[in-house]
Amino acid sequence: MLVPNSRDLLDRISPCQMYGATLDDENSLLQHAAIDVIEAIFPEAWPSEVKLVPVRNPLHRYRAYMIEFDHEPMPGVPRHLLIEIKLEAAPRDGSIFVSRPFKGQGPSSFEYGARLQDLARSKIPDLVPRVISLGVLSTMCGPTDYIITTRDPDTVCLQEVWSSLEDENKVAIASALATGLQKLHELDLEAIKHYFDHASTGDIDHATFDILRGSLEAGTHVLEGDCDQGVDHVVRLLEKFDSDMRVPGHDQTSLIDFEPNGGISIMTILPDNDNPRGRPFYTEVCSSDLHELAKSMTICHMDLEPRNIFVKLVPSETSASISEYELTSIVSWERAQVAPFSFERGVKDAVLGSQFNDNYDWYRAFVNATRSMVPNDQLHDGYILALVLMRMACRSASPDEPSSKYHKLWREKEKVIIAFTSVDGYVRDPEAHDHVSPTEEEYRQMADDILTEAMAQTQQYIDRLDVPRLLHSILNNELAGVMEYLGVVRDTNGDEDADMDGH
């Protein structure tokens, strides 16, 4: 799906209209829910400030707020916090095409990512916020899923300032992020297991290492015991990504089969001008390669975009009279997974050009900074390629879907091509080396134009239907009238020369 940006389009398609409310009413309701949670968790304190974090998809019942107290709301809890809330079980932002999180053991959809966030914090505490509390509470809005974490004061979301930064500052931020991720790759999972098993509740807020020991059937990862379990997990990541990316109502475009030799074969249906049903493309991964992938698993955030990175303005290291931004924290670990880093890179490549994943400048900075973290071999290159092809196949199966149109136009506007090796990602077409990317405002307008056209086409289809007659027949239980109506519509649709406005 695409999310409109203009208030007019938002109001026209907002679910709030179904019960006579506006988006302003919805925002107020969600803020009250957040305050209800804060009061329940910190009954002896009252926040002096509750500030909404800009959200790109106001249609989903998710919001994040920066909270500030005049004093510690609870012993050991800092004054500056971040609360994220959801009033439904849907993905945090359904317009962002990234893998949805695995379900954790508890009722909160934040739990799984929070456990991995705690694990990541044990290695890079300076970049990963501490989880204070999470769960599901009953508020005036109903069951409210929430997570509260620490935050650094005087920080801003990187998305708000990225376009204004000098190139050197952009490289420095991406490099600092890569340095932190590299430390996660150094995690000794057995040592971490021992740490979690023997830590006191004061050392870790809520997490246990069970998340890395449970069964795949329970929706958790397996990193110990039979290596075949790790192999199964690597394959399951591919299957889940394919399922998450598929447009509802469209045919499956990828199929993963286990081979007798223990490897897998991935068949992807790609578009073909000579065959309307598409052309199958096969990617094979042998058994030994699957085991190598299973051994390379680490903690992956899975949504490392500027919207989930916070920075702070500090004096420049080269000049005291100049300020620049410095990386302070990585937030929103909801989609975190244990996976090979090539999976995180593959997903980033696969969703590049989707709405909210359309910042090519950031993508290139991230790929350049983390390039050395992806082994330069055919195995990881093929794993990345498989993910890209899966997403490509899903788009080709639904070319008229707004998000597919958005991606097609994005590719044309950015003038990018896939590099010779997948680990190098998308690069500028050599003939457009000096090309300048469109602005964020231009992309927002592009999304609105696509949605306006789609809504007009939908309205034309509705206008063709004699809806009052159909409803009248249904309400009066006139089966013959319903069948006649459906028959007329079917005949009209089947007649290529029929009047499009007539029945």
Protein backbone atom coordinates (compact mmCIF):
# COMPACT_ATOMS: atom_id res chain seq x y z
CA MET A 1 0.00 0.00 0.00
CA LEU A 2 0.91 3.66 -0.28
CA VAL A 3 0.21 6.27 2.35
CA PRO A 4 -0.97 9.71 1.21
CA ASN A 5 0.79 12.82 2.41
CA SER A 6 -1.74 15.58 1.79
CA ARG A 7 -4.30 16.10 4.54
CA ASP A 8 -7.14 15.98 2.03
CA LEU A 9 -6.21 12.49 0.83
CA LEU A 10 -5.56 11.30 4.38
CA ASP A 11 -9.01 12.45 5.47
CA ARG A 12 -10.66 10.81 2.47
CA ILE A 13 -9.27 7.34 3.15
CA SER A 14 -8.88 7.46 6.92
CA PRO A 15 -10.74 4.66 8.74
CA CYS A 16 -11.71 7.30 11.32
CA GLN A 17 -14.42 8.53 8.99
CA MET A 18 -16.29 5.26 9.42
CA TYR A 19 -17.18 6.26 12.99
CA GLY A 20 -17.47 10.00 12.45
CA ALA A 21 -14.04 10.97 13.74
CA THR A 22 -11.13 12.90 12.25
CA LEU A 23 -7.39 12.29 12.28
CA ASP A 24 -7.08 15.00 14.91
CA ASP A 25 -9.50 13.02 17.08
CA GLU A 26 -7.41 9.89 16.47
CA ASN A 27 -4.18 11.66 17.42
CA SER A 28 -5.76 12.97 20.61
CA LEU A 29 -7.08 9.50 21.47
CA LEU A 30 -3.68 7.90 20.98
CA GLN A 31 -1.94 10.53 23.09
CA HIS A 32 -4.44 9.92 25.89
CA ALA A 33 -3.67 6.19 25.62
CA ALA A 34 0.05 6.93 25.95
CA ILE A 35 -0.56 9.10 29.01
CA ASP A 36 -2.73 6.36 30.55
CA VAL A 37 0.18 3.94 30.15
CA ILE A 38 2.64 6.43 31.66
CA GLU A 39 0.35 6.97 34.66
CA ALA A 40 0.01 3.22 35.19
CA ILE A 41 3.77 2.57 35.03
CA PHE A 42 4.85 5.69 36.95
CA PRO A 43 1.94 6.44 39.33
CA GLU A 44 4.01 8.82 41.47
CA ALA A 45 5.18 11.04 38.61
CA TRP A 46 3.65 13.25 35.94
CA PRO A 47 5.48 14.09 32.69
CA SER A 48 6.32 17.73 32.12
CA GLU A 49 6.41 17.17 28.35
CA VAL A 50 4.90 14.63 25.95
CA LYS A 51 6.10 15.31 22.41
CA LEU A 52 4.92 13.38 19.36
CA VAL A 53 7.65 11.87 17.19
CA PRO A 54 6.78 12.61 13.53
CA VAL A 55 5.01 9.61 12.02
CA ARG A 56 4.88 8.96 8.29
CA ASN A 57 1.79 6.76 8.39
CA PRO A 58 -0.93 8.28 10.60
CA LEU A 59 -3.47 5.75 9.32
CA HIS A 60 -1.98 3.00 11.47
CA ARG A 61 -2.78 3.17 15.16
CA TYR A 62 0.84 3.49 16.19
CA ARG A 63 2.52 6.52 17.73
CA ALA A 64 5.79 7.31 19.49
CA TYR A 65 6.25 10.08 22.05
CA MET A 66 9.30 11.62 23.69
CA ILE A 67 8.59 11.98 27.41
CA GLU A 68 10.32 14.24 29.91
CA PHE A 69 9.89 14.36 33.69
CA ASP A 70 11.07 17.05 36.10
CA HIS A 71 12.64 14.34 38.26
CA GLU A 72 13.21 10.59 38.10
CA PRO A 73 9.77 8.98 37.73
CA MET A 74 11.06 5.94 39.58
CA PRO A 75 14.39 5.17 41.28
CA GLY A 76 16.93 4.28 38.62
CA VAL A 77 14.72 5.44 35.74
CA PRO A 78 16.02 8.52 33.87
CA ARG A 79 13.93 11.62 33.22
CA HIS A 80 13.97 11.30 29.43
CA LEU A 81 12.08 8.36 27.92
CA LEU A 82 10.53 7.20 24.66
CA ILE A 83 7.17 5.41 24.58
CA GLU A 84 5.78 3.56 21.59
CA ILE A 85 2.16 2.41 21.59
CA LYS A 86 -0.06 0.39 19.27
CA LEU A 87 -3.80 -0.18 19.44
CA GLU A 88 -3.83 -3.10 17.05
CA ALA A 89 -1.81 -6.18 16.20
CA ALA A 90 -0.89 -4.92 12.72
CA PRO A 91 2.74 -4.17 11.80
CA ARG A 92 3.99 -0.88 13.20
CA ASP A 93 3.90 0.70 9.76
CA GLY A 94 2.29 -1.47 7.12
CA SER A 95 3.48 0.79 4.34
CA ILE A 96 7.10 -0.12 4.99
CA PHE A 97 7.92 -3.35 3.19
CA VAL A 98 10.16 -5.06 5.69
CA SER A 99 9.78 -8.38 7.39
CA ARG A 100 7.21 -8.36 10.13
CA PRO A 101 8.45 -9.51 13.53
CA PHE A 102 8.23 -13.06 14.76
CA LYS A 103 5.69 -13.43 17.57
CA GLY A 104 7.24 -13.61 21.00
CA GLN A 105 6.22 -15.59 24.05
CA GLY A 106 4.06 -12.89 25.65
CA PRO A 107 1.05 -10.83 24.57
CA SER A 108 3.06 -7.76 23.55
CA SER A 109 4.12 -7.56 19.93
CA PHE A 110 7.13 -5.54 21.13
CA GLU A 111 8.45 -8.41 23.27
CA TYR A 112 10.47 -10.33 20.72
CA GLY A 113 12.38 -7.30 19.47
CA ALA A 114 12.85 -6.04 23.03
CA ARG A 115 14.60 -9.26 24.04
CA LEU A 116 17.01 -8.89 21.15
CA GLN A 117 17.38 -5.20 21.98
CA ASP A 118 18.54 -6.16 25.47
CA LEU A 119 20.98 -8.62 23.95
CA ALA A 120 22.34 -5.96 21.58
CA ARG A 121 22.60 -3.51 24.46
CA SER A 122 24.89 -5.92 26.30
CA LYS A 123 27.41 -5.32 23.50
CA ILE A 124 26.80 -1.70 22.45
CA PRO A 125 25.16 0.00 25.46
CA ASP A 126 26.11 3.44 24.18
CA LEU A 127 23.91 3.01 21.08
CA VAL A 128 21.02 0.81 22.23
CA PRO A 129 18.42 2.29 24.62
CA ARG A 130 17.50 0.39 27.77
CA VAL A 131 14.06 -1.20 27.88
CA ILE A 132 12.22 0.07 30.95
CA SER A 133 8.86 -1.63 30.53
CA LEU A 134 6.67 -3.31 27.93
CA GLY A 135 3.37 -5.12 27.83
CA VAL A 136 -0.32 -4.65 27.14
CA LEU A 137 -2.43 -2.39 29.38
CA SER A 138 -6.12 -1.55 29.33
CA THR A 139 -6.61 2.14 28.59
CA MET A 140 -9.52 4.32 27.55
CA CYS A 141 -8.73 3.15 24.00
CA GLY A 142 -8.88 -0.53 24.89
CA PRO A 143 -5.91 -2.93 25.05
CA THR A 144 -2.80 -0.84 24.37
CA ASP A 145 0.48 -2.48 23.38
CA TYR A 146 3.43 -0.43 24.58
CA ILE A 147 7.17 -0.30 25.13
CA ILE A 148 9.06 2.34 27.13
CA THR A 149 12.79 2.85 26.60
CA THR A 150 15.39 5.37 27.63
CA ARG A 151 16.40 8.17 25.28
CA ASP A 152 19.15 10.74 25.14
CA PRO A 153 18.02 14.34 25.68
CA ASP A 154 18.62 17.00 23.04
CA THR A 155 18.53 14.48 20.20
CA VAL A 156 16.69 14.57 16.89
CA CYS A 157 15.66 11.91 14.44
CA LEU A 158 18.22 11.57 11.65
CA GLN A 159 15.41 11.70 9.11
CA GLU A 160 14.73 15.32 10.06
CA VAL A 161 18.26 16.54 9.32
CA TRP A 162 19.84 14.07 6.88
CA SER A 163 19.27 16.09 3.71
CA SER A 164 20.91 19.18 5.26
CA LEU A 165 24.13 17.45 6.33
CA GLU A 166 27.49 17.81 4.65
CA ASP A 167 28.78 14.69 2.91
CA GLU A 168 31.54 14.25 5.49
CA ASN A 169 29.01 14.28 8.33
CA LYS A 170 26.84 11.71 6.53
CA VAL A 171 29.81 9.39 6.10
CA ALA A 172 30.77 9.81 9.76
CA ILE A 173 27.28 8.86 10.98
CA ALA A 174 27.08 5.82 8.69
CA SER A 175 30.57 4.75 9.76
CA ALA A 176 29.70 5.07 13.45
CA LEU A 177 26.62 2.93 12.86
CA ALA A 178 28.69 0.30 11.05
CA THR A 179 31.19 0.23 13.92
CA GLY A 180 28.37 -0.54 16.33
CA LEU A 181 26.94 -3.25 14.10
CA GLN A 182 30.37 -4.81 13.76
CA LYS A 183 30.47 -5.23 17.54
CA LEU A 184 27.22 -7.18 17.35
CA HIS A 185 28.92 -9.52 14.90
CA GLU A 186 31.51 -10.24 17.58
CA LEU A 187 28.88 -11.61 19.98
CA ASP A 188 29.75 -15.01 21.39
CA LEU A 189 26.25 -16.43 21.62
CA GLU A 190 27.24 -19.12 24.09
CA ALA A 191 28.87 -16.54 26.36
CA ILE A 192 25.79 -14.33 26.09
CA LYS A 193 23.63 -17.35 26.93
CA HIS A 194 25.65 -17.83 30.13
CA TYR A 195 25.34 -14.12 30.92
CA PHE A 196 21.56 -14.11 30.54
CA ASP A 197 21.15 -17.33 32.50
CA HIS A 198 23.12 -16.01 35.48
CA ALA A 199 22.31 -12.31 35.44
CA SER A 200 20.15 -10.89 38.19
CA THR A 201 16.93 -9.10 37.39
CA GLY A 202 18.74 -5.86 38.15
CA ASP A 203 21.29 -6.50 35.42
CA ILE A 204 18.70 -6.94 32.69
CA ASP A 205 15.26 -5.43 32.71
CA HIS A 206 13.08 -8.28 31.56
CA ALA A 207 14.79 -10.36 28.93
CA THR A 208 15.93 -13.95 29.08
CA PHE A 209 17.94 -15.93 26.62
CA ASP A 210 15.01 -18.29 26.03
CA ILE A 211 14.33 -16.33 22.84
CA LEU A 212 17.41 -17.97 21.35
CA ARG A 213 16.65 -21.45 22.65
CA GLY A 214 12.97 -21.93 21.93
CA SER A 215 11.42 -23.94 19.15
CA LEU A 216 10.78 -22.60 15.69
CA GLU A 217 7.19 -23.74 16.07
CA ALA A 218 6.80 -21.27 18.95
CA GLY A 219 8.04 -18.48 16.71
CA THR A 220 11.50 -18.14 18.21
CA HIS A 221 14.98 -18.72 16.88
CA VAL A 222 17.29 -21.66 17.49
CA LEU A 223 21.03 -21.10 17.64
CA GLU A 224 22.21 -24.10 19.62
CA GLY A 225 21.98 -27.84 19.35
CA ASP A 226 21.58 -29.53 15.99
CA CYS A 227 23.00 -27.32 13.26
CA ASP A 228 20.13 -28.44 11.05
CA GLN A 229 17.87 -26.29 13.21
CA GLY A 230 19.92 -23.25 12.25
CA VAL A 231 19.66 -24.29 8.61
CA ASP A 232 15.89 -24.56 8.96
CA HIS A 233 15.85 -21.06 10.39
CA VAL A 234 17.85 -19.65 7.47
CA VAL A 235 15.33 -21.17 5.06
CA ARG A 236 12.40 -20.02 7.16
CA LEU A 237 13.65 -16.45 6.93
CA LEU A 238 13.39 -16.68 3.14
CA GLU A 239 9.93 -18.24 3.30
CA LYS A 240 8.68 -15.64 5.73
CA PHE A 241 10.05 -12.76 3.68
CA ASP A 242 8.31 -14.10 0.58
CA SER A 243 5.05 -14.41 2.51
CA ASP A 244 5.33 -10.92 4.01
CA MET A 245 6.01 -9.32 0.65
CA ARG A 246 3.19 -11.00 -1.25
CA VAL A 247 0.26 -8.78 -2.18
CA PRO A 248 -2.98 -10.27 -0.79
CA GLY A 249 -5.04 -11.96 -3.47
CA HIS A 250 -2.11 -12.57 -5.83
CA ASP A 251 -0.50 -15.86 -6.71
CA GLN A 252 2.62 -17.13 -5.02
CA THR A 253 5.62 -16.05 -7.07
CA SER A 254 8.40 -17.96 -5.29
CA LEU A 255 8.79 -21.56 -4.18
CA ILE A 256 11.51 -23.02 -1.96
CA ASP A 257 12.14 -26.76 -2.19
CA PHE A 258 14.54 -28.94 -0.21
CA GLU A 259 16.79 -31.01 -2.44
CA PRO A 260 17.77 -34.66 -1.70
CA ASN A 261 21.36 -33.53 -1.08
CA GLY A 262 20.26 -31.27 1.78
CA GLY A 263 20.36 -28.03 -0.17
CA ILE A 264 17.48 -25.88 -1.39
CA SER A 265 16.23 -24.69 -4.74
CA ILE A 266 14.48 -21.32 -4.98
CA MET A 267 12.22 -20.87 -7.98
CA THR A 268 11.16 -17.31 -8.68
CA ILE A 269 8.71 -16.31 -11.40
CA LEU A 270 10.04 -13.22 -13.15
CA PRO A 271 8.35 -11.18 -15.90
CA ASP A 272 8.92 -12.26 -19.48
CA ASN A 273 7.70 -10.38 -22.55
CA ASP A 274 7.31 -13.65 -24.47
CA ASN A 275 5.37 -15.44 -21.75
CA PRO A 276 2.50 -13.73 -19.90
CA ARG A 277 2.80 -16.30 -17.09
CA GLY A 278 6.41 -15.28 -16.48
CA ARG A 279 9.69 -17.13 -16.66
CA PRO A 280 11.04 -19.29 -13.82
CA PHE A 281 14.45 -18.37 -12.44
CA TYR A 282 16.26 -20.86 -10.22
CA THR A 283 18.70 -20.15 -7.39
CA GLU A 284 20.34 -23.12 -5.71
CA VAL A 285 22.06 -23.22 -2.32
CA CYS A 286 23.89 -26.43 -1.45
CA SER A 287 23.82 -28.05 1.99
CA SER A 288 27.30 -26.90 3.01
CA ASP A 289 26.46 -23.31 2.09
CA LEU A 290 23.29 -23.43 4.18
CA HIS A 291 25.35 -24.54 7.15
CA GLU A 292 27.79 -21.67 6.55
CA LEU A 293 24.87 -19.23 6.55
CA ALA A 294 23.60 -20.78 9.79
CA LYS A 295 27.00 -20.19 11.39
CA SER A 296 27.08 -16.52 10.37
CA MET A 297 23.94 -15.43 12.20
CA THR A 298 23.99 -12.28 14.29
CA ILE A 299 21.48 -9.76 15.64
CA CYS A 300 19.94 -7.74 12.81
CA HIS A 301 17.81 -4.65 13.44
CA MET A 302 16.05 -5.07 10.05
CA ASP A 303 14.92 -1.43 9.75
CA LEU A 304 18.07 0.68 9.87
CA GLU A 305 16.61 3.77 8.25
CA PRO A 306 17.03 7.42 9.31
CA ARG A 307 13.62 7.31 11.01
CA ASN A 308 15.02 4.85 13.57
CA ILE A 309 18.34 6.59 14.21
CA PHE A 310 18.81 9.51 16.60
CA VAL A 311 21.64 12.04 16.46
CA LYS A 312 22.86 14.98 18.52
CA LEU A 313 24.46 18.27 17.51
CA VAL A 314 28.05 18.46 18.81
CA PRO A 315 31.11 20.64 18.10
CA SER A 316 33.06 19.51 15.07
CA GLU A 317 36.28 17.62 15.71
CA THR A 318 38.03 19.72 13.06
CA SER A 319 36.73 23.16 14.00
CA ALA A 320 35.30 24.46 17.27
CA SER A 321 33.25 27.04 15.37
CA ILE A 322 31.40 24.39 13.37
CA SER A 323 28.81 21.93 14.64
CA GLU A 324 27.93 18.55 13.23
CA TYR A 325 25.66 15.68 14.16
CA GLU A 326 26.81 12.60 16.04
CA LEU A 327 25.13 9.19 16.26
CA THR A 328 23.53 8.65 19.68
CA SER A 329 21.06 5.76 19.47
CA ILE A 330 19.32 3.12 17.38
CA VAL A 331 15.63 2.84 18.29
CA SER A 332 12.57 0.76 17.36
CA TRP A 333 13.92 -2.79 17.53
CA GLU A 334 10.49 -4.27 16.91
CA ARG A 335 11.54 -6.07 13.74
CA ALA A 336 14.90 -7.30 15.03
CA GLN A 337 15.81 -10.85 14.05
CA VAL A 338 18.66 -13.28 14.43
CA ALA A 339 19.91 -13.78 10.89
CA PRO A 340 22.97 -13.58 8.66
CA PHE A 341 23.84 -9.93 8.04
CA SER A 342 23.44 -10.71 4.34
CA PHE A 343 19.73 -11.19 5.13
CA GLU A 344 19.49 -7.65 6.49
CA ARG A 345 21.36 -6.32 3.44
CA GLY A 346 19.22 -8.41 1.10
CA VAL A 347 16.00 -7.09 2.60
CA LYS A 348 17.31 -3.52 2.39
CA ASP A 349 18.10 -4.02 -1.30
CA ALA A 350 14.79 -5.75 -1.95
CA VAL A 351 12.66 -2.98 -0.44
CA LEU A 352 14.74 -0.08 -1.77
CA GLY A 353 12.44 2.21 -3.73
CA SER A 354 9.39 1.45 -1.62
CA GLN A 355 7.70 4.38 0.04
CA PHE A 356 9.63 5.34 3.20
CA ASN A 357 12.60 3.27 1.97
CA ASP A 358 13.32 5.60 -0.92
CA ASN A 359 16.31 7.60 0.34
CA TYR A 360 19.02 6.48 -2.06
CA ASP A 361 21.59 8.79 -0.47
CA TRP A 362 21.18 7.04 2.90
CA TYR A 363 21.09 3.62 1.25
CA ARG A 364 24.40 4.24 -0.49
CA ALA A 365 26.02 5.56 2.70
CA PHE A 366 24.83 2.48 4.61
CA VAL A 367 26.01 0.01 1.96
CA ASN A 368 29.42 1.67 1.67
CA ALA A 369 29.90 1.70 5.45
CA THR A 370 28.84 -1.93 5.97
CA ARG A 371 30.29 -3.41 2.77
CA SER A 372 33.08 -5.23 4.62
CA MET A 373 30.56 -6.92 6.92
CA VAL A 374 29.14 -9.01 4.07
CA PRO A 375 31.53 -11.80 3.02
CA ASN A 376 32.59 -11.26 -0.57
CA ASP A 377 31.69 -14.70 -1.84
CA GLN A 378 29.12 -16.36 -4.07
CA LEU A 379 27.17 -17.70 -1.10
CA HIS A 380 26.20 -14.40 0.52
CA ASP A 381 25.91 -12.72 -2.86
CA GLY A 382 23.38 -15.37 -3.88
CA TYR A 383 21.44 -15.01 -0.62
CA ILE A 384 21.07 -11.28 -1.22
CA LEU A 385 20.09 -11.88 -4.85
CA ALA A 386 17.42 -14.41 -3.83
CA LEU A 387 15.72 -11.83 -1.61
CA VAL A 388 15.86 -9.16 -4.32
CA LEU A 389 14.35 -11.55 -6.88
CA MET A 390 11.57 -12.55 -4.49
CA ARG A 391 10.52 -8.93 -4.07
CA MET A 392 10.88 -8.28 -7.78
CA ALA A 393 8.61 -11.23 -8.55
CA CYS A 394 5.96 -10.00 -6.12
CA ARG A 395 5.93 -6.59 -7.78
CA SER A 396 5.69 -8.09 -11.27
CA ALA A 397 2.63 -10.10 -10.17
CA SER A 398 0.83 -6.87 -9.23
CA PRO A 399 2.17 -4.13 -11.55
CA ASP A 400 -0.95 -1.97 -11.17
CA GLU A 401 -0.80 -1.95 -7.37
CA PRO A 402 0.14 1.58 -6.18
CA SER A 403 3.30 0.49 -4.36
CA SER A 404 4.53 -1.30 -7.49
CA LYS A 405 3.95 1.84 -9.55
CA TYR A 406 5.80 3.88 -6.95
CA HIS A 407 8.82 1.60 -7.11
CA LYS A 408 8.87 1.65 -10.92
CA LEU A 409 8.80 5.44 -11.02
CA TRP A 410 11.41 5.63 -8.26
CA ARG A 411 13.82 3.50 -10.29
CA GLU A 412 13.31 5.75 -13.28
CA LYS A 413 13.82 8.93 -11.28
CA GLU A 414 16.90 7.69 -9.40
CA LYS A 415 18.53 6.13 -12.48
CA VAL A 416 19.93 3.16 -10.55
CA ILE A 417 20.90 -0.33 -11.66
CA ILE A 418 21.96 -3.50 -9.84
CA ALA A 419 25.73 -3.80 -9.56
CA PHE A 420 27.58 -6.77 -11.03
CA THR A 421 27.77 -8.37 -7.58
CA SER A 422 24.77 -8.20 -5.26
CA VAL A 423 26.87 -7.26 -2.23
CA ASP A 424 27.62 -3.95 -3.96
CA GLY A 425 23.90 -3.25 -4.14
CA TYR A 426 22.25 -0.67 -6.36
CA VAL A 427 24.48 1.90 -8.06
CA ARG A 428 23.94 4.85 -10.34
CA ASP A 429 23.77 4.15 -14.02
CA PRO A 430 27.23 5.11 -15.40
CA GLU A 431 25.53 7.50 -17.80
CA ALA A 432 23.91 9.33 -14.86
CA HIS A 433 26.88 9.58 -12.52
CA ASP A 434 26.17 13.21 -11.58
CA HIS A 435 22.42 12.72 -11.26
CA VAL A 436 20.77 14.45 -8.30
CA SER A 437 17.99 12.62 -6.46
CA PRO A 438 14.53 14.18 -6.28
CA THR A 439 13.64 15.83 -2.98
CA GLU A 440 11.54 14.22 -0.28
CA GLU A 441 8.73 16.64 -1.13
CA GLU A 442 8.81 15.51 -4.77
CA TYR A 443 8.50 11.87 -3.73
CA ARG A 444 5.62 12.71 -1.41
CA GLN A 445 3.85 14.40 -4.29
CA MET A 446 4.54 11.37 -6.50
CA ALA A 447 2.84 9.13 -3.94
CA ASP A 448 -0.18 11.43 -3.79
CA ASP A 449 -0.45 11.50 -7.59
CA ILE A 450 -0.40 7.69 -7.76
CA LEU A 451 -3.04 7.41 -5.05
CA THR A 452 -5.23 10.08 -6.62
CA GLU A 453 -5.19 8.17 -9.90
CA ALA A 454 -5.94 4.88 -8.13
CA MET A 455 -8.84 6.42 -6.21
CA ALA A 456 -10.26 7.87 -9.42
CA GLN A 457 -10.12 4.46 -11.09
CA THR A 458 -11.80 2.88 -8.09
CA GLN A 459 -14.53 5.50 -8.17
CA GLN A 460 -15.11 4.83 -11.88
CA TYR A 461 -15.54 1.15 -11.11
CA ILE A 462 -17.98 1.92 -8.29
CA ASP A 463 -19.94 4.25 -10.57
CA ARG A 464 -20.39 1.37 -13.00
CA LEU A 465 -22.05 -0.69 -10.30
CA ASP A 466 -25.74 -0.19 -9.57
CA VAL A 467 -25.05 -0.36 -5.84
CA PRO A 468 -28.48 0.91 -4.65
CA ARG A 469 -30.23 -1.76 -6.70
CA LEU A 470 -27.93 -4.48 -5.38
CA LEU A 471 -28.39 -3.40 -1.76
CA HIS A 472 -32.15 -3.15 -2.21
CA SER A 473 -32.25 -6.71 -3.54
CA ILE A 474 -30.12 -8.02 -0.68
CA LEU A 475 -32.14 -6.22 2.02
CA ASN A 476 -35.39 -7.52 0.59
CA ASN A 477 -33.96 -11.01 0.12
CA GLU A 478 -34.70 -10.86 -3.59
CA LEU A 479 -32.33 -13.62 -4.67
CA ALA A 480 -33.50 -13.40 -8.25
CA GLY A 481 -32.76 -9.70 -8.30
CA VAL A 482 -29.26 -10.27 -6.94
CA MET A 483 -28.55 -13.01 -9.46
CA GLU A 484 -29.91 -10.88 -12.28
CA TYR A 485 -27.73 -7.98 -11.22
CA LEU A 486 -24.61 -10.10 -10.95
CA GLY A 487 -25.40 -11.73 -14.26
CA VAL A 488 -25.78 -8.39 -16.00
CA VAL A 489 -22.49 -7.17 -14.59
CA ARG A 490 -20.77 -10.38 -15.64
CA ASP A 491 -22.15 -10.13 -19.16
CA THR A 492 -21.11 -6.50 -19.42
CA ASN A 493 -17.59 -7.25 -18.20
CA GLY A 494 -17.29 -10.10 -20.65
CA ASP A 495 -18.33 -7.99 -23.65
CA GLU A 496 -15.34 -6.02 -24.86
CA ASP A 497 -17.58 -3.81 -27.01
CA ALA A 498 -20.10 -3.07 -24.23
CA ASP A 499 -20.73 0.47 -23.09
CA MET A 500 -18.50 0.97 -20.05
CA ASP A 501 -21.08 3.26 -18.43
CA GLY A 502 -24.13 1.16 -19.17
CA HIS A 503 -25.56 -2.09 -17.83
